[in-house]
Structure formats: structure tokens, C-alpha cells
Amino acid sequence: MTKNKPVDAEYSRMTELASPPGANIKNALKAFVCGGTVCLFAQLLFDFFEAVGFSEEETRAAVPISLIVLTAILTGLGVFGKLAKFAGAGLSVPITGFANSVVSPAMEFQTEGRVLGTGVKMFTLAGPVIAYGCSAAAVYGMIYYFFIMKG
């Protein structure tokens, strides 16, 4: 199949003229500030848990759990979606984005039942992340064990 070069060039020119200018710098700055704010909040949580007497190990578990629960609550209240629309990629910080990707479909498809609605759909987006993340962790663990620990 041959491409018609003049038509392709004309189409590209028309697309450029019709497309609004991008706000890439503005979006990048918003994402940077919002993502940084999430990380700052996580650090404040870390400091808070240490101040109330949690051990370092307990604090390292409590911070992500708190972020996940807070994100799930904000998603359920419809607030996280509005914040994410404003912040763009800034709220896709792995833990908050992951929590939102599990809760959103679960809420959307709950009318289809607990098994075929909530159970199936809540891992539609997060499922591959879990599967590949666990697989990568297992491979890394084996490499670490056989080549570093036994080496």
C-alpha cells in the first residue's frame, strides 16, 4: 500500500492548524508541584508516625497504608478525580494512582454485583501491574539470592 504524500502533508498541516496549542510547560509545572506536595505529605506522615512512637519498620508500613486509605476515601467521595484532573500526572505517584485505579472501577461496576462487577473490574487496570510487579520481584529475588547472597 503506497502512501499519498501530498494528501498526508496536507492533512498534517490541517491538523496542526486545527489543534489548540499545548500547555506542556504549565502541565509539567502543575504535575511537579502536585506530585511534590504528595511526597511532602508522605514525609509529614512519616515524621508524625515517628513522633507518636512508631518504630521505623512500623512507620514504613503506616505511611503507604495511610496514603492508600486516604486515596480510596477521596476516590469514593469523588474528590480524587477532580484533584487528578487538575494535577494531571502529579497525582499518578505510584501509590495514589494505584489505589485510585483499584477503587474507581470497583465503584463504577458495583451495580453488576460483587463478583462479576466489583471483583472483576477492580483489577482491570491494576491487575497487570500486580502480575508484572510480582513477577519482576520474584525474578529479582532469585537473581539476588543466587548471585549476590550465595556469591
C-alpha atoms as a PDB file:
ATOM      1  CA  MET A   1       0.000   0.000   0.000  1.00  0.00           C
ATOM      2  CA  THR A   2       1.562   3.292  -1.055  1.00  0.00           C
ATOM      3  CA  LYS A   3       1.007   6.490   0.804  1.00  0.00           C
ATOM      4  CA  ASN A   4      -0.201   9.572  -0.940  1.00  0.00           C
ATOM      5  CA  LYS A   5       2.460  12.077   0.191  1.00  0.00           C
ATOM      6  CA  PRO A   6       0.679  15.322  -0.826  1.00  0.00           C
ATOM      7  CA  VAL A   7      -2.534  14.254   0.930  1.00  0.00           C
ATOM      8  CA  ASP A   8      -0.622  13.211   4.075  1.00  0.00           C
ATOM      9  CA  ALA A   9       1.242  16.512   4.175  1.00  0.00           C
ATOM     10  CA  GLU A  10      -1.972  18.497   3.684  1.00  0.00           C
ATOM     11  CA  TYR A  11      -3.716  16.505   6.402  1.00  0.00           C
ATOM     12  CA  SER A  12      -0.823  17.123   8.808  1.00  0.00           C
ATOM     13  CA  ARG A  13      -0.937  20.853   8.062  1.00  0.00           C
ATOM     14  CA  MET A  14      -4.708  20.978   8.623  1.00  0.00           C
ATOM     15  CA  THR A  15      -4.372  19.031  11.884  1.00  0.00           C
ATOM     16  CA  GLU A  16      -1.717  21.439  13.153  1.00  0.00           C
ATOM     17  CA  LEU A  17      -3.909  24.442  12.334  1.00  0.00           C
ATOM     18  CA  ALA A  18      -6.989  22.936  13.992  1.00  0.00           C
ATOM     19  CA  SER A  19      -5.233  21.723  17.159  1.00  0.00           C
ATOM     20  CA  PRO A  20      -5.077  24.069  20.127  1.00  0.00           C
ATOM     21  CA  PRO A  21      -1.620  24.939  21.364  1.00  0.00           C
ATOM     22  CA  GLY A  22      -0.387  22.648  24.113  1.00  0.00           C
ATOM     23  CA  ALA A  23       0.189  23.794  27.652  1.00  0.00           C
ATOM     24  CA  ASN A  24       3.096  21.430  28.193  1.00  0.00           C
ATOM     25  CA  ILE A  25       5.148  23.664  30.470  1.00  0.00           C
ATOM     26  CA  LYS A  26       2.137  24.624  32.574  1.00  0.00           C
ATOM     27  CA  ASN A  27       1.045  20.978  32.865  1.00  0.00           C
ATOM     28  CA  ALA A  28       4.560  19.856  33.766  1.00  0.00           C
ATOM     29  CA  LEU A  29       4.807  22.506  36.485  1.00  0.00           C
ATOM     30  CA  LYS A  30       1.409  21.550  37.924  1.00  0.00           C
ATOM     31  CA  ALA A  31       2.373  17.871  37.900  1.00  0.00           C
ATOM     32  CA  PHE A  32       5.708  18.661  39.560  1.00  0.00           C
ATOM     33  CA  VAL A  33       4.162  20.806  42.298  1.00  0.00           C
ATOM     34  CA  CYS A  34       1.252  18.422  42.958  1.00  0.00           C
ATOM     35  CA  GLY A  35       3.469  15.321  42.950  1.00  0.00           C
ATOM     36  CA  GLY A  36       5.895  17.100  45.241  1.00  0.00           C
ATOM     37  CA  THR A  37       3.019  18.006  47.538  1.00  0.00           C
ATOM     38  CA  VAL A  38       2.019  14.334  47.780  1.00  0.00           C
ATOM     39  CA  CYS A  39       5.611  13.414  48.600  1.00  0.00           C
ATOM     40  CA  LEU A  40       5.814  16.222  51.161  1.00  0.00           C
ATOM     41  CA  PHE A  41       2.589  14.974  52.747  1.00  0.00           C
ATOM     42  CA  ALA A  42       4.054  11.455  52.891  1.00  0.00           C
ATOM     43  CA  GLN A  43       7.161  12.813  54.614  1.00  0.00           C
ATOM     44  CA  LEU A  44       4.986  14.685  57.118  1.00  0.00           C
ATOM     45  CA  LEU A  45       3.108  11.450  57.798  1.00  0.00           C
ATOM     46  CA  PHE A  46       6.421   9.675  58.302  1.00  0.00           C
ATOM     47  CA  ASP A  47       7.549  12.316  60.781  1.00  0.00           C
ATOM     48  CA  PHE A  48       4.181  12.195  62.565  1.00  0.00           C
ATOM     49  CA  PHE A  49       4.256   8.413  62.982  1.00  0.00           C
ATOM     50  CA  GLU A  50       7.816   8.555  64.303  1.00  0.00           C
ATOM     51  CA  ALA A  51       6.849  11.351  66.726  1.00  0.00           C
ATOM     52  CA  VAL A  52       3.992   9.331  68.214  1.00  0.00           C
ATOM     53  CA  GLY A  53       6.339   6.446  68.905  1.00  0.00           C
ATOM     54  CA  PHE A  54       6.093   4.094  65.934  1.00  0.00           C
ATOM     55  CA  SER A  55       9.260   2.140  65.190  1.00  0.00           C
ATOM     56  CA  GLU A  56      10.953   2.743  61.847  1.00  0.00           C
ATOM     57  CA  GLU A  57       9.562  -0.526  60.489  1.00  0.00           C
ATOM     58  CA  GLU A  58       6.022   0.349  61.631  1.00  0.00           C
ATOM     59  CA  THR A  59       6.359   3.845  60.176  1.00  0.00           C
ATOM     60  CA  ARG A  60       7.495   2.458  56.828  1.00  0.00           C
ATOM     61  CA  ALA A  61       4.317   0.374  56.730  1.00  0.00           C
ATOM     62  CA  ALA A  62       1.972   3.036  58.109  1.00  0.00           C
ATOM     63  CA  VAL A  63       2.806   5.754  55.551  1.00  0.00           C
ATOM     64  CA  PRO A  64       1.842   3.825  52.380  1.00  0.00           C
ATOM     65  CA  ILE A  65      -1.181   2.330  54.124  1.00  0.00           C
ATOM     66  CA  SER A  66      -2.311   5.825  55.092  1.00  0.00           C
ATOM     67  CA  LEU A  67      -1.821   7.123  51.541  1.00  0.00           C
ATOM     68  CA  ILE A  68      -3.757   4.182  50.093  1.00  0.00           C
ATOM     69  CA  VAL A  69      -6.656   4.568  52.537  1.00  0.00           C
ATOM     70  CA  LEU A  70      -6.802   8.343  52.049  1.00  0.00           C
ATOM     71  CA  THR A  71      -6.757   7.957  48.265  1.00  0.00           C
ATOM     72  CA  ALA A  72      -9.509   5.324  48.410  1.00  0.00           C
ATOM     73  CA  ILE A  73     -11.655   7.585  50.580  1.00  0.00           C
ATOM     74  CA  LEU A  74     -11.079  10.606  48.331  1.00  0.00           C
ATOM     75  CA  THR A  75     -11.870   8.473  45.276  1.00  0.00           C
ATOM     76  CA  GLY A  76     -15.079   7.241  46.900  1.00  0.00           C
ATOM     77  CA  LEU A  77     -16.128  10.812  47.692  1.00  0.00           C
ATOM     78  CA  GLY A  78     -15.409  11.898  44.112  1.00  0.00           C
ATOM     79  CA  VAL A  79     -12.685  14.313  45.211  1.00  0.00           C
ATOM     80  CA  PHE A  80      -9.623  12.460  43.905  1.00  0.00           C
ATOM     81  CA  GLY A  81     -10.862  12.576  40.311  1.00  0.00           C
ATOM     82  CA  LYS A  82     -11.219  16.356  40.461  1.00  0.00           C
ATOM     83  CA  LEU A  83      -7.784  16.718  42.020  1.00  0.00           C
ATOM     84  CA  ALA A  84      -6.267  14.383  39.407  1.00  0.00           C
ATOM     85  CA  LYS A  85      -7.886  16.336  36.591  1.00  0.00           C
ATOM     86  CA  PHE A  86      -6.187  19.469  37.871  1.00  0.00           C
ATOM     87  CA  ALA A  87      -2.848  17.878  38.812  1.00  0.00           C
ATOM     88  CA  GLY A  88      -2.517  15.595  35.805  1.00  0.00           C
ATOM     89  CA  ALA A  89       0.396  13.216  36.163  1.00  0.00           C
ATOM     90  CA  GLY A  90       1.278  14.761  39.518  1.00  0.00           C
ATOM     91  CA  LEU A  91      -1.211  12.539  41.334  1.00  0.00           C
ATOM     92  CA  SER A  92      -0.155   9.452  39.451  1.00  0.00           C
ATOM     93  CA  VAL A  93       2.548   8.987  42.057  1.00  0.00           C
ATOM     94  CA  PRO A  94       2.588   5.209  42.062  1.00  0.00           C
ATOM     95  CA  ILE A  95       0.835   4.559  45.348  1.00  0.00           C
ATOM     96  CA  THR A  96      -2.011   7.077  44.968  1.00  0.00           C
ATOM     97  CA  GLY A  97      -2.512   6.312  41.295  1.00  0.00           C
ATOM     98  CA  PHE A  98      -2.566   2.604  42.024  1.00  0.00           C
ATOM     99  CA  ALA A  99      -5.110   2.967  44.834  1.00  0.00           C
ATOM    100  CA  ASN A 100      -7.319   5.089  42.587  1.00  0.00           C
ATOM    101  CA  SER A 101      -7.029   2.570  39.737  1.00  0.00           C
ATOM    102  CA  VAL A 102      -8.409  -0.153  42.007  1.00  0.00           C
ATOM    103  CA  VAL A 103     -11.181   1.825  43.721  1.00  0.00           C
ATOM    104  CA  SER A 104     -12.587   3.677  40.674  1.00  0.00           C
ATOM    105  CA  PRO A 105     -13.604   0.620  38.612  1.00  0.00           C
ATOM    106  CA  ALA A 106     -14.831  -1.149  41.746  1.00  0.00           C
ATOM    107  CA  MET A 107     -17.221   1.730  42.390  1.00  0.00           C
ATOM    108  CA  GLU A 108     -18.244   2.104  38.766  1.00  0.00           C
ATOM    109  CA  PHE A 109     -19.212  -1.539  38.297  1.00  0.00           C
ATOM    110  CA  GLN A 110     -20.664  -2.331  41.742  1.00  0.00           C
ATOM    111  CA  THR A 111     -24.186  -2.432  40.260  1.00  0.00           C
ATOM    112  CA  GLU A 112     -23.182  -5.564  38.319  1.00  0.00           C
ATOM    113  CA  GLY A 113     -22.660  -7.474  41.562  1.00  0.00           C
ATOM    114  CA  ARG A 114     -19.830  -8.218  43.921  1.00  0.00           C
ATOM    115  CA  VAL A 115     -18.206 -10.947  41.836  1.00  0.00           C
ATOM    116  CA  LEU A 116     -18.806 -10.013  38.191  1.00  0.00           C
ATOM    117  CA  GLY A 117     -18.883  -6.279  38.816  1.00  0.00           C
ATOM    118  CA  THR A 118     -16.678  -5.178  41.657  1.00  0.00           C
ATOM    119  CA  GLY A 119     -14.456  -8.261  41.843  1.00  0.00           C
ATOM    120  CA  VAL A 120     -13.697  -8.490  38.141  1.00  0.00           C
ATOM    121  CA  LYS A 121     -13.465  -4.825  37.244  1.00  0.00           C
ATOM    122  CA  MET A 122     -11.453  -3.540  40.189  1.00  0.00           C
ATOM    123  CA  PHE A 123      -8.338  -5.277  38.887  1.00  0.00           C
ATOM    124  CA  THR A 124      -8.866  -4.473  35.204  1.00  0.00           C
ATOM    125  CA  LEU A 125      -6.212  -1.765  35.293  1.00  0.00           C
ATOM    126  CA  ALA A 126      -4.332  -2.740  38.434  1.00  0.00           C
ATOM    127  CA  GLY A 127      -4.205  -6.473  37.661  1.00  0.00           C
ATOM    128  CA  PRO A 128      -1.428  -6.303  35.076  1.00  0.00           C
ATOM    129  CA  VAL A 129       0.578  -4.034  37.379  1.00  0.00           C
ATOM    130  CA  ILE A 130       0.216  -6.536  40.201  1.00  0.00           C
ATOM    131  CA  ALA A 131       1.020  -9.514  37.971  1.00  0.00           C
ATOM    132  CA  TYR A 132       4.083  -7.997  36.294  1.00  0.00           C
ATOM    133  CA  GLY A 133       5.249  -6.359  39.529  1.00  0.00           C
ATOM    134  CA  CYS A 134       5.106  -9.668  41.397  1.00  0.00           C
ATOM    135  CA  SER A 135       6.790 -11.490  38.512  1.00  0.00           C
ATOM    136  CA  ALA A 136       9.576  -8.906  38.336  1.00  0.00           C
ATOM    137  CA  ALA A 137      10.016  -9.066  42.115  1.00  0.00           C
ATOM    138  CA  ALA A 138      10.269 -12.864  42.004  1.00  0.00           C
ATOM    139  CA  VAL A 139      12.865 -12.765  39.213  1.00  0.00           C
ATOM    140  CA  TYR A 140      14.846 -10.060  41.006  1.00  0.00           C
ATOM    141  CA  GLY A 141      14.643 -12.029  44.249  1.00  0.00           C
ATOM    142  CA  MET A 142      16.011 -15.148  42.566  1.00  0.00           C
ATOM    143  CA  ILE A 143      18.824 -13.187  40.923  1.00  0.00           C
ATOM    144  CA  TYR A 144      19.658 -11.570  44.246  1.00  0.00           C
ATOM    145  CA  TYR A 145      19.564 -14.870  46.093  1.00  0.00           C
ATOM    146  CA  PHE A 146      21.617 -16.909  43.644  1.00  0.00           C
ATOM    147  CA  PHE A 147      24.156 -14.299  42.513  1.00  0.00           C
ATOM    148  CA  ILE A 148      24.549 -11.955  45.470  1.00  0.00           C
ATOM    149  CA  MET A 149      23.639 -13.884  48.618  1.00  0.00           C
ATOM    150  CA  LYS A 150      25.280 -17.134  47.517  1.00  0.00           C
ATOM    151  CA  GLY A 151      28.030 -15.374  45.542  1.00  0.00           C
END
